[in-house]
Every structure is written in structure tokens, then in C-alpha cells.
PDB file of all heavy atoms in Angstrom:
ATOM      1  N   GLU A   1      -2.387  15.030  23.097  1.00  0.00           N
ATOM      2  CA  GLU A   1      -1.945  14.896  21.706  1.00  0.00           C
ATOM      3  C   GLU A   1      -0.401  14.798  21.638  1.00  0.00           C
ATOM      4  O   GLU A   1       0.085  14.127  20.724  1.00  0.00           O
ATOM      5  CB  GLU A   1      -2.463  16.022  20.887  1.00  0.00           C
ATOM      6  CG  GLU A   1      -3.973  15.938  20.539  1.00  0.00           C
ATOM      7  CD  GLU A   1      -4.390  16.926  19.520  1.00  0.00           C
ATOM      8  OE1 GLU A   1      -4.002  16.762  18.341  1.00  0.00           O
ATOM      9  OE2 GLU A   1      -5.141  17.840  19.883  1.00  0.00           O
ATOM     10  N   GLN A   2       0.275  15.434  22.563  1.00  0.00           N
ATOM     11  CA  GLN A   2       1.759  15.362  22.556  1.00  0.00           C
ATOM     12  C   GLN A   2       2.222  13.933  22.789  1.00  0.00           C
ATOM     13  O   GLN A   2       3.191  13.505  22.235  1.00  0.00           O
ATOM     14  CB  GLN A   2       2.324  16.288  23.661  1.00  0.00           C
ATOM     15  CG  GLN A   2       2.118  17.733  23.408  1.00  0.00           C
ATOM     16  CD  GLN A   2       0.692  18.216  23.855  1.00  0.00           C
ATOM     17  OE1 GLN A   2      -0.035  17.481  24.490  1.00  0.00           O
ATOM     18  NE2 GLN A   2       0.344  19.436  23.491  1.00  0.00           N
ATOM     19  N   GLU A   3       1.486  13.209  23.625  1.00  0.00           N
ATOM     20  CA  GLU A   3       1.760  11.794  23.863  1.00  0.00           C
ATOM     21  C   GLU A   3       1.604  10.956  22.582  1.00  0.00           C
ATOM     22  O   GLU A   3       2.355  10.065  22.277  1.00  0.00           O
ATOM     23  CB  GLU A   3       0.937  11.266  24.990  1.00  0.00           C
ATOM     24  CG  GLU A   3       1.189   9.818  25.345  1.00  0.00           C
ATOM     25  CD  GLU A   3       2.533   9.564  25.997  1.00  0.00           C
ATOM     26  OE1 GLU A   3       3.282  10.526  26.339  1.00  0.00           O
ATOM     27  OE2 GLU A   3       2.918   8.395  26.181  1.00  0.00           O
ATOM     28  N   LEU A   4       0.546  11.324  21.826  1.00  0.00           N
ATOM     29  CA  LEU A   4       0.323  10.627  20.486  1.00  0.00           C
ATOM     30  C   LEU A   4       1.498  10.815  19.616  1.00  0.00           C
ATOM     31  O   LEU A   4       1.948   9.883  18.946  1.00  0.00           O
ATOM     32  CB  LEU A   4      -0.953  11.151  19.850  1.00  0.00           C
ATOM     33  CG  LEU A   4      -2.270  10.775  20.412  1.00  0.00           C
ATOM     34  CD1 LEU A   4      -3.414  11.452  19.630  1.00  0.00           C
ATOM     35  CD2 LEU A   4      -2.487   9.287  20.390  1.00  0.00           C
ATOM     36  N   GLU A   5       2.002  12.039  19.523  1.00  0.00           N
ATOM     37  CA  GLU A   5       3.156  12.341  18.649  1.00  0.00           C
ATOM     38  C   GLU A   5       4.354  11.502  19.077  1.00  0.00           C
ATOM     39  O   GLU A   5       5.089  10.979  18.234  1.00  0.00           O
ATOM     40  CB  GLU A   5       3.473  13.827  18.720  1.00  0.00           C
ATOM     41  CG  GLU A   5       2.418  14.662  18.073  1.00  0.00           C
ATOM     42  CD  GLU A   5       2.613  16.166  18.315  1.00  0.00           C
ATOM     43  OE1 GLU A   5       3.601  16.549  18.853  1.00  0.00           O
ATOM     44  OE2 GLU A   5       1.675  16.925  17.953  1.00  0.00           O
ATOM     45  N   ARG A   6       4.591  11.383  20.380  1.00  0.00           N
ATOM     46  CA  ARG A   6       5.713  10.617  20.849  1.00  0.00           C
ATOM     47  C   ARG A   6       5.551   9.166  20.500  1.00  0.00           C
ATOM     48  O   ARG A   6       6.462   8.482  20.041  1.00  0.00           O
ATOM     49  CB  ARG A   6       5.844  10.753  22.384  1.00  0.00           C
ATOM     50  CG  ARG A   6       7.070  10.120  22.996  1.00  0.00           C
ATOM     51  CD  ARG A   6       7.096  10.234  24.515  1.00  0.00           C
ATOM     52  NE  ARG A   6       6.105   9.443  25.133  1.00  0.00           N
ATOM     53  CZ  ARG A   6       6.220   8.118  25.322  1.00  0.00           C
ATOM     54  NH1 ARG A   6       7.236   7.435  24.906  1.00  0.00           N
ATOM     55  NH2 ARG A   6       5.229   7.460  25.934  1.00  0.00           N
ATOM     56  N   LEU A   7       4.327   8.611  20.703  1.00  0.00           N
ATOM     57  CA  LEU A   7       4.132   7.189  20.380  1.00  0.00           C
ATOM     58  C   LEU A   7       4.164   6.925  18.892  1.00  0.00           C
ATOM     59  O   LEU A   7       4.713   5.881  18.507  1.00  0.00           O
ATOM     60  CB  LEU A   7       2.750   6.795  20.955  1.00  0.00           C
ATOM     61  CG  LEU A   7       2.674   6.773  22.498  1.00  0.00           C
ATOM     62  CD1 LEU A   7       1.204   6.659  22.948  1.00  0.00           C
ATOM     63  CD2 LEU A   7       3.479   5.643  23.035  1.00  0.00           C
ATOM     64  N   GLU A   8       3.641   7.830  18.083  1.00  0.00           N
ATOM     65  CA  GLU A   8       3.752   7.628  16.638  1.00  0.00           C
ATOM     66  C   GLU A   8       5.186   7.666  16.187  1.00  0.00           C
ATOM     67  O   GLU A   8       5.587   6.874  15.278  1.00  0.00           O
ATOM     68  CB  GLU A   8       2.920   8.711  15.941  1.00  0.00           C
ATOM     69  CG  GLU A   8       1.413   8.556  16.110  1.00  0.00           C
ATOM     70  CD  GLU A   8       0.690   9.789  15.671  1.00  0.00           C
ATOM     71  OE1 GLU A   8       1.246  10.875  15.406  1.00  0.00           O
ATOM     72  OE2 GLU A   8      -0.566   9.694  15.575  1.00  0.00           O
ATOM     73  N   ALA A   9       5.975   8.526  16.731  1.00  0.00           N
ATOM     74  CA  ALA A   9       7.419   8.605  16.396  1.00  0.00           C
ATOM     75  C   ALA A   9       8.154   7.314  16.693  1.00  0.00           C
ATOM     76  O   ALA A   9       9.137   7.005  16.015  1.00  0.00           O
ATOM     77  CB  ALA A   9       8.065   9.795  17.082  1.00  0.00           C
ATOM     78  N   ARG A  10       7.697   6.609  17.699  1.00  0.00           N
ATOM     79  CA  ARG A  10       8.398   5.376  18.081  1.00  0.00           C
ATOM     80  C   ARG A  10       7.898   4.132  17.309  1.00  0.00           C
ATOM     81  O   ARG A  10       8.541   3.097  17.382  1.00  0.00           O
ATOM     82  CB  ARG A  10       8.143   5.133  19.567  1.00  0.00           C
ATOM     83  CG  ARG A  10       8.875   6.123  20.478  1.00  0.00           C
ATOM     84  CD  ARG A  10       8.628   5.869  21.898  1.00  0.00           C
ATOM     85  NE  ARG A  10       8.825   4.475  22.264  1.00  0.00           N
ATOM     86  CZ  ARG A  10       8.320   3.883  23.351  1.00  0.00           C
ATOM     87  NH1 ARG A  10       7.578   4.590  24.234  1.00  0.00           N
ATOM     88  NH2 ARG A  10       8.512   2.599  23.597  1.00  0.00           N
ATOM     89  N   HIS A  11       6.846   4.299  16.550  1.00  0.00           N
ATOM     90  CA  HIS A  11       6.275   3.162  15.786  1.00  0.00           C
ATOM     91  C   HIS A  11       7.243   2.758  14.675  1.00  0.00           C
ATOM     92  O   HIS A  11       7.609   3.521  13.833  1.00  0.00           O
ATOM     93  CB  HIS A  11       4.940   3.577  15.219  1.00  0.00           C
ATOM     94  CG  HIS A  11       4.341   2.503  14.303  1.00  0.00           C
ATOM     95  ND1 HIS A  11       4.071   1.252  14.724  1.00  0.00           N
ATOM     96  CD2 HIS A  11       4.021   2.591  13.000  1.00  0.00           C
ATOM     97  CE1 HIS A  11       3.561   0.579  13.715  1.00  0.00           C
ATOM     98  NE2 HIS A  11       3.489   1.387  12.652  1.00  0.00           N
ATOM     99  N   PHE A  12       7.544   1.445  14.658  1.00  0.00           N
ATOM    100  CA  PHE A  12       8.348   0.885  13.576  1.00  0.00           C
ATOM    101  C   PHE A  12       7.367   0.137  12.727  1.00  0.00           C
ATOM    102  O   PHE A  12       6.820  -0.906  13.113  1.00  0.00           O
ATOM    103  CB  PHE A  12       9.427  -0.086  14.138  1.00  0.00           C
ATOM    104  CG  PHE A  12      10.171  -0.773  13.041  1.00  0.00           C
ATOM    105  CD1 PHE A  12      11.182  -0.102  12.331  1.00  0.00           C
ATOM    106  CD2 PHE A  12       9.857  -2.053  12.704  1.00  0.00           C
ATOM    107  CE1 PHE A  12      11.849  -0.739  11.291  1.00  0.00           C
ATOM    108  CE2 PHE A  12      10.568  -2.716  11.693  1.00  0.00           C
ATOM    109  CZ  PHE A  12      11.543  -2.053  11.013  1.00  0.00           C
ATOM    110  N   CYS A  13       7.133   0.609  11.494  1.00  0.00           N
ATOM    111  CA  CYS A  13       6.149   0.054  10.612  1.00  0.00           C
ATOM    112  C   CYS A  13       6.819  -0.865   9.590  1.00  0.00           C
ATOM    113  O   CYS A  13       7.518  -0.338   8.658  1.00  0.00           O
ATOM    114  CB  CYS A  13       5.364   1.150   9.931  1.00  0.00           C
ATOM    115  SG  CYS A  13       4.135   0.485   8.789  1.00  0.00           S
ATOM    116  N   PRO A  14       6.633  -2.139   9.633  1.00  0.00           N
ATOM    117  CA  PRO A  14       7.273  -3.043   8.644  1.00  0.00           C
ATOM    118  C   PRO A  14       6.729  -2.843   7.247  1.00  0.00           C
ATOM    119  O   PRO A  14       7.483  -2.967   6.274  1.00  0.00           O
ATOM    120  CB  PRO A  14       6.958  -4.441   9.182  1.00  0.00           C
ATOM    121  CG  PRO A  14       5.808  -4.278  10.084  1.00  0.00           C
ATOM    122  CD  PRO A  14       5.857  -2.906  10.651  1.00  0.00           C
ATOM    123  N   GLU A  15       5.495  -2.474   7.116  1.00  0.00           N
ATOM    124  CA  GLU A  15       4.925  -2.237   5.777  1.00  0.00           C
ATOM    125  C   GLU A  15       5.577  -1.049   5.149  1.00  0.00           C
ATOM    126  O   GLU A  15       5.878  -1.040   3.924  1.00  0.00           O
ATOM    127  CB  GLU A  15       3.368  -1.977   5.897  1.00  0.00           C
ATOM    128  CG  GLU A  15       2.630  -3.200   6.353  1.00  0.00           C
ATOM    129  CD  GLU A  15       2.672  -4.333   5.352  1.00  0.00           C
ATOM    130  OE1 GLU A  15       2.700  -4.093   4.139  1.00  0.00           O
ATOM    131  OE2 GLU A  15       2.672  -5.512   5.834  1.00  0.00           O
ATOM    132  N   ARG A  16       5.853   0.021   5.865  1.00  0.00           N
ATOM    133  CA  ARG A  16       6.450   1.213   5.323  1.00  0.00           C
ATOM    134  C   ARG A  16       7.912   0.931   4.920  1.00  0.00           C
ATOM    135  O   ARG A  16       8.338   1.352   3.849  1.00  0.00           O
ATOM    136  CB  ARG A  16       6.445   2.354   6.363  1.00  0.00           C
ATOM    137  CG  ARG A  16       6.921   3.648   5.779  1.00  0.00           C
ATOM    138  CD  ARG A  16       6.827   4.788   6.798  1.00  0.00           C
ATOM    139  NE  ARG A  16       5.523   4.912   7.355  1.00  0.00           N
ATOM    140  CZ  ARG A  16       5.247   5.238   8.622  1.00  0.00           C
ATOM    141  NH1 ARG A  16       6.236   5.425   9.455  1.00  0.00           N
ATOM    142  NH2 ARG A  16       4.019   5.298   9.053  1.00  0.00           N
ATOM    143  N   VAL A  17       8.584   0.132   5.705  1.00  0.00           N
ATOM    144  CA  VAL A  17       9.988  -0.251   5.401  1.00  0.00           C
ATOM    145  C   VAL A  17      10.032  -1.041   4.129  1.00  0.00           C
ATOM    146  O   VAL A  17      10.840  -0.782   3.241  1.00  0.00           O
ATOM    147  CB  VAL A  17      10.647  -0.993   6.584  1.00  0.00           C
ATOM    148  CG1 VAL A  17      11.980  -1.538   6.216  1.00  0.00           C
ATOM    149  CG2 VAL A  17      10.770  -0.080   7.795  1.00  0.00           C
ATOM    150  N   LEU A  18       9.108  -2.021   4.009  1.00  0.00           N
ATOM    151  CA  LEU A  18       9.105  -2.841   2.798  1.00  0.00           C
ATOM    152  C   LEU A  18       8.753  -2.033   1.538  1.00  0.00           C
ATOM    153  O   LEU A  18       9.343  -2.225   0.510  1.00  0.00           O
ATOM    154  CB  LEU A  18       8.086  -3.988   2.961  1.00  0.00           C
ATOM    155  CG  LEU A  18       8.513  -5.106   3.858  1.00  0.00           C
ATOM    156  CD1 LEU A  18       7.352  -6.071   4.075  1.00  0.00           C
ATOM    157  CD2 LEU A  18       9.747  -5.837   3.347  1.00  0.00           C
ATOM    158  N   SER A  19       7.841  -1.134   1.700  1.00  0.00           N
ATOM    159  CA  SER A  19       7.481  -0.245   0.589  1.00  0.00           C
ATOM    160  C   SER A  19       8.670   0.614   0.153  1.00  0.00           C
ATOM    161  O   SER A  19       8.915   0.757  -1.024  1.00  0.00           O
ATOM    162  CB  SER A  19       6.303   0.624   1.032  1.00  0.00           C
ATOM    163  OG  SER A  19       5.990   1.547   0.007  1.00  0.00           O
ATOM    164  N   GLN A  20       9.380   1.178   1.141  1.00  0.00           N
ATOM    165  CA  GLN A  20      10.548   1.972   0.789  1.00  0.00           C
ATOM    166  C   GLN A  20      11.632   1.164   0.104  1.00  0.00           C
ATOM    167  O   GLN A  20      12.254   1.615  -0.857  1.00  0.00           O
ATOM    168  CB  GLN A  20      11.074   2.679   2.053  1.00  0.00           C
ATOM    169  CG  GLN A  20      10.228   3.703   2.579  1.00  0.00           C
ATOM    170  CD  GLN A  20      10.623   4.242   3.950  1.00  0.00           C
ATOM    171  OE1 GLN A  20      11.462   3.662   4.624  1.00  0.00           O
ATOM    172  NE2 GLN A  20      10.055   5.369   4.336  1.00  0.00           N
ATOM    173  N   LEU A  21      11.879  -0.055   0.567  1.00  0.00           N
ATOM    174  CA  LEU A  21      12.870  -0.924  -0.056  1.00  0.00           C
ATOM    175  C   LEU A  21      12.474  -1.282  -1.488  1.00  0.00           C
ATOM    176  O   LEU A  21      13.314  -1.301  -2.406  1.00  0.00           O
ATOM    177  CB  LEU A  21      13.052  -2.196   0.779  1.00  0.00           C
ATOM    178  CG  LEU A  21      13.793  -2.074   2.099  1.00  0.00           C
ATOM    179  CD1 LEU A  21      13.729  -3.363   2.883  1.00  0.00           C
ATOM    180  CD2 LEU A  21      15.232  -1.652   1.821  1.00  0.00           C
ATOM    181  N   PHE A  22      11.197  -1.557  -1.696  1.00  0.00           N
ATOM    182  CA  PHE A  22      10.712  -1.882  -3.011  1.00  0.00           C
ATOM    183  C   PHE A  22      10.895  -0.750  -4.013  1.00  0.00           C
ATOM    184  O   PHE A  22      11.362  -0.878  -5.124  1.00  0.00           O
ATOM    185  CB  PHE A  22       9.233  -2.331  -2.931  1.00  0.00           C
ATOM    186  CG  PHE A  22       8.666  -2.672  -4.265  1.00  0.00           C
ATOM    187  CD1 PHE A  22       8.992  -3.875  -4.904  1.00  0.00           C
ATOM    188  CD2 PHE A  22       7.725  -1.858  -4.911  1.00  0.00           C
ATOM    189  CE1 PHE A  22       8.466  -4.212  -6.120  1.00  0.00           C
ATOM    190  CE2 PHE A  22       7.200  -2.173  -6.104  1.00  0.00           C
ATOM    191  CZ  PHE A  22       7.589  -3.372  -6.749  1.00  0.00           C
ATOM    192  N   LYS A  23      10.564   0.483  -3.535  1.00  0.00           N
ATOM    193  CA  LYS A  23      10.686   1.658  -4.346  1.00  0.00           C
ATOM    194  C   LYS A  23      12.163   1.895  -4.714  1.00  0.00           C
ATOM    195  O   LYS A  23      12.530   2.247  -5.816  1.00  0.00           O
ATOM    196  CB  LYS A  23      10.127   2.894  -3.689  1.00  0.00           C
ATOM    197  CG  LYS A  23       8.613   2.923  -3.626  1.00  0.00           C
ATOM    198  CD  LYS A  23       8.125   4.075  -2.821  1.00  0.00           C
ATOM    199  CE  LYS A  23       6.636   4.033  -2.633  1.00  0.00           C
ATOM    200  NZ  LYS A  23       6.125   5.128  -1.754  1.00  0.00           N
ATOM    201  N   GLU A  24      13.058   1.684  -3.739  1.00  0.00           N
ATOM    202  CA  GLU A  24      14.491   1.862  -3.936  1.00  0.00           C
ATOM    203  C   GLU A  24      14.969   0.824  -4.963  1.00  0.00           C
ATOM    204  O   GLU A  24      15.761   1.184  -5.872  1.00  0.00           O
ATOM    205  CB  GLU A  24      15.236   1.709  -2.624  1.00  0.00           C
ATOM    206  CG  GLU A  24      16.736   1.977  -2.735  1.00  0.00           C
ATOM    207  CD  GLU A  24      17.042   3.417  -2.914  1.00  0.00           C
ATOM    208  OE1 GLU A  24      16.225   4.315  -2.636  1.00  0.00           O
ATOM    209  OE2 GLU A  24      18.161   3.707  -3.454  1.00  0.00           O
ATOM    210  N   GLU A  25      14.546  -0.382  -4.857  1.00  0.00           N
ATOM    211  CA  GLU A  25      14.907  -1.452  -5.784  1.00  0.00           C
ATOM    212  C   GLU A  25      14.472  -1.111  -7.218  1.00  0.00           C
ATOM    213  O   GLU A  25      15.179  -1.267  -8.180  1.00  0.00           O
ATOM    214  CB  GLU A  25      14.396  -2.778  -5.365  1.00  0.00           C
ATOM    215  CG  GLU A  25      14.849  -3.928  -6.254  1.00  0.00           C
ATOM    216  CD  GLU A  25      14.340  -5.259  -5.795  1.00  0.00           C
ATOM    217  OE1 GLU A  25      14.246  -5.469  -4.561  1.00  0.00           O
ATOM    218  OE2 GLU A  25      13.977  -6.116  -6.638  1.00  0.00           O
ATOM    219  N   MET A  26      13.247  -0.632  -7.314  1.00  0.00           N
ATOM    220  CA  MET A  26      12.692  -0.282  -8.640  1.00  0.00           C
ATOM    221  C   MET A  26      13.472   0.868  -9.261  1.00  0.00           C
ATOM    222  O   MET A  26      13.712   0.884 -10.469  1.00  0.00           O
ATOM    223  CB  MET A  26      11.202   0.051  -8.504  1.00  0.00           C
ATOM    224  CG  MET A  26      10.328  -1.088  -8.091  1.00  0.00           C
ATOM    225  SD  MET A  26      10.314  -2.450  -9.256  1.00  0.00           S
ATOM    226  CE  MET A  26       9.365  -1.724 -10.559  1.00  0.00           C
ATOM    227  N   ARG A  27      13.878   1.808  -8.449  1.00  0.00           N
ATOM    228  CA  ARG A  27      14.637   2.962  -8.950  1.00  0.00           C
ATOM    229  C   ARG A  27      15.996   2.486  -9.457  1.00  0.00           C
ATOM    230  O   ARG A  27      16.488   2.929 -10.512  1.00  0.00           O
ATOM    231  CB  ARG A  27      14.800   4.017  -7.834  1.00  0.00           C
ATOM    232  CG  ARG A  27      15.375   5.278  -8.368  1.00  0.00           C
ATOM    233  CD  ARG A  27      15.365   6.448  -7.428  1.00  0.00           C
ATOM    234  NE  ARG A  27      16.291   6.163  -6.359  1.00  0.00           N
ATOM    235  CZ  ARG A  27      16.066   6.415  -5.067  1.00  0.00           C
ATOM    236  NH1 ARG A  27      14.956   6.906  -4.699  1.00  0.00           N
ATOM    237  NH2 ARG A  27      16.999   6.162  -4.199  1.00  0.00           N
ATOM    238  N   HIS A  28      16.644   1.554  -8.713  1.00  0.00           N
ATOM    239  CA  HIS A  28      17.940   1.049  -9.115  1.00  0.00           C
ATOM    240  C   HIS A  28      17.816   0.233 -10.423  1.00  0.00           C
ATOM    241  O   HIS A  28      18.684   0.360 -11.310  1.00  0.00           O
ATOM    242  CB  HIS A  28      18.561   0.155  -8.051  1.00  0.00           C
ATOM    243  CG  HIS A  28      19.138   0.944  -6.880  1.00  0.00           C
ATOM    244  ND1 HIS A  28      20.191   1.758  -7.026  1.00  0.00           N
ATOM    245  CD2 HIS A  28      18.750   1.005  -5.578  1.00  0.00           C
ATOM    246  CE1 HIS A  28      20.492   2.307  -5.854  1.00  0.00           C
ATOM    247  NE2 HIS A  28      19.608   1.824  -4.965  1.00  0.00           N
ATOM    248  N   GLU A  29      16.786  -0.546 -10.566  1.00  0.00           N
ATOM    249  CA  GLU A  29      16.551  -1.312 -11.769  1.00  0.00           C
ATOM    250  C   GLU A  29      16.323  -0.385 -12.968  1.00  0.00           C
ATOM    251  O   GLU A  29      16.847  -0.627 -14.068  1.00  0.00           O
ATOM    252  CB  GLU A  29      15.434  -2.266 -11.623  1.00  0.00           C
ATOM    253  CG  GLU A  29      15.735  -3.463 -10.752  1.00  0.00           C
ATOM    254  CD  GLU A  29      14.525  -4.386 -10.577  1.00  0.00           C
ATOM    255  OE1 GLU A  29      13.506  -4.246 -11.299  1.00  0.00           O
ATOM    256  OE2 GLU A  29      14.623  -5.232  -9.700  1.00  0.00           O
ATOM    257  N   ALA A  30      15.553   0.660 -12.787  1.00  0.00           N
ATOM    258  CA  ALA A  30      15.279   1.596 -13.881  1.00  0.00           C
ATOM    259  C   ALA A  30      16.563   2.318 -14.297  1.00  0.00           C
ATOM    260  O   ALA A  30      16.844   2.516 -15.483  1.00  0.00           O
ATOM    261  CB  ALA A  30      14.219   2.639 -13.431  1.00  0.00           C
ATOM    262  N   GLN A  31      17.383   2.651 -13.289  1.00  0.00           N
ATOM    263  CA  GLN A  31      18.643   3.312 -13.616  1.00  0.00           C
ATOM    264  C   GLN A  31      19.591   2.371 -14.360  1.00  0.00           C
ATOM    265  O   GLN A  31      20.314   2.772 -15.280  1.00  0.00           O
ATOM    266  CB  GLN A  31      19.281   3.807 -12.327  1.00  0.00           C
ATOM    267  CG  GLN A  31      20.492   4.684 -12.497  1.00  0.00           C
ATOM    268  CD  GLN A  31      21.036   5.191 -11.191  1.00  0.00           C
ATOM    269  OE1 GLN A  31      20.801   4.608 -10.126  1.00  0.00           O
ATOM    270  NE2 GLN A  31      21.723   6.326 -11.221  1.00  0.00           N
ATOM    271  N   ALA A  32      19.636   1.090 -13.944  1.00  0.00           N
ATOM    272  CA  ALA A  32      20.494   0.133 -14.625  1.00  0.00           C
ATOM    273  C   ALA A  32      20.083  -0.145 -16.071  1.00  0.00           C
ATOM    274  O   ALA A  32      20.912  -0.315 -16.962  1.00  0.00           O
ATOM    275  CB  ALA A  32      20.507  -1.218 -13.861  1.00  0.00           C
ATOM    276  N   GLN A  33      18.801  -0.072 -16.333  1.00  0.00           N
ATOM    277  CA  GLN A  33      18.296  -0.274 -17.681  1.00  0.00           C
ATOM    278  C   GLN A  33      18.636   0.920 -18.598  1.00  0.00           C
ATOM    279  O   GLN A  33      18.821   0.743 -19.796  1.00  0.00           O
ATOM    280  CB  GLN A  33      16.762  -0.488 -17.691  1.00  0.00           C
ATOM    281  CG  GLN A  33      16.371  -1.797 -17.140  1.00  0.00           C
ATOM    282  CD  GLN A  33      14.872  -1.957 -17.079  1.00  0.00           C
ATOM    283  OE1 GLN A  33      14.104  -1.034 -17.413  1.00  0.00           O
ATOM    284  NE2 GLN A  33      14.401  -3.130 -16.673  1.00  0.00           N
ATOM    285  N   ARG A  34      18.764   2.091 -18.036  1.00  0.00           N
ATOM    286  CA  ARG A  34      19.107   3.288 -18.815  1.00  0.00           C
ATOM    287  C   ARG A  34      20.626   3.267 -19.173  1.00  0.00           C
ATOM    288  O   ARG A  34      21.005   3.854 -20.150  1.00  0.00           O
ATOM    289  CB  ARG A  34      18.782   4.566 -18.038  1.00  0.00           C
ATOM    290  CG  ARG A  34      17.336   4.898 -18.042  1.00  0.00           C
ATOM    291  CD  ARG A  34      17.110   6.194 -17.363  1.00  0.00           C
ATOM    292  NE  ARG A  34      17.326   5.880 -15.945  1.00  0.00           N
ATOM    293  CZ  ARG A  34      16.803   6.589 -14.948  1.00  0.00           C
ATOM    294  NH1 ARG A  34      16.077   7.618 -15.141  1.00  0.00           N
ATOM    295  NH2 ARG A  34      17.042   6.208 -13.692  1.00  0.00           N
ATOM    296  N   ASN A  35      21.394   2.618 -18.367  1.00  0.00           N
ATOM    297  CA  ASN A  35      22.862   2.563 -18.572  1.00  0.00           C
ATOM    298  C   ASN A  35      23.233   1.547 -19.535  1.00  0.00           C
ATOM    299  O   ASN A  35      23.140   0.709 -20.081  1.00  0.00           O
ATOM    300  CB  ASN A  35      23.633   2.453 -17.304  1.00  0.00           C
ATOM    301  CG  ASN A  35      23.440   3.662 -16.420  1.00  0.00           C
ATOM    302  OD1 ASN A  35      23.165   4.757 -16.932  1.00  0.00           O
ATOM    303  ND2 ASN A  35      23.586   3.464 -15.145  1.00  0.00           N
TER     304      ASN A  35
END
């Protein structure tokens, strides 16, 4: 199981990165609309 943890930590997930970028963009847009 320790090897699984090491391999999971090295995984670069493009879906997760895109999801995080989308959430960040939505947060910036919502903040801009409030100002």
C-alpha cells in the first residue's frame, strides 16, 4: 500500500487541473460582478 501512495502522489491528473482552473475562474468572475 505504501507503493500505491507513492504512485498516487506522482499522478498528474489533467481533469483535476482543469476543474480547479474552472472553479478559480468562476470565483474571479463572481468577485468582479460584486465590485
